[in-house]
């Protein structure tokens, strides 16, 4: 058993495996949130660039006529 002091008034006793699992859970949740944020920003940037290319293509189609 290892003693972990989360708060000054509260003393928790956990095994190493429980503490490691808790840390991994927090780490995985943080990684998933970070991954979702990166994917959302990447998708938004892709849509912005794609929209610009569509507008340029439409402009080149409209100008010659």
Foldseek 3Di string as FASTA:
>chain_A
DDWDDPDPVDIDDDDPVVVVVVVVVVVVVVVVVVVVVVVVVVVVVVVVVVVVVVVVVVVVVPVVD
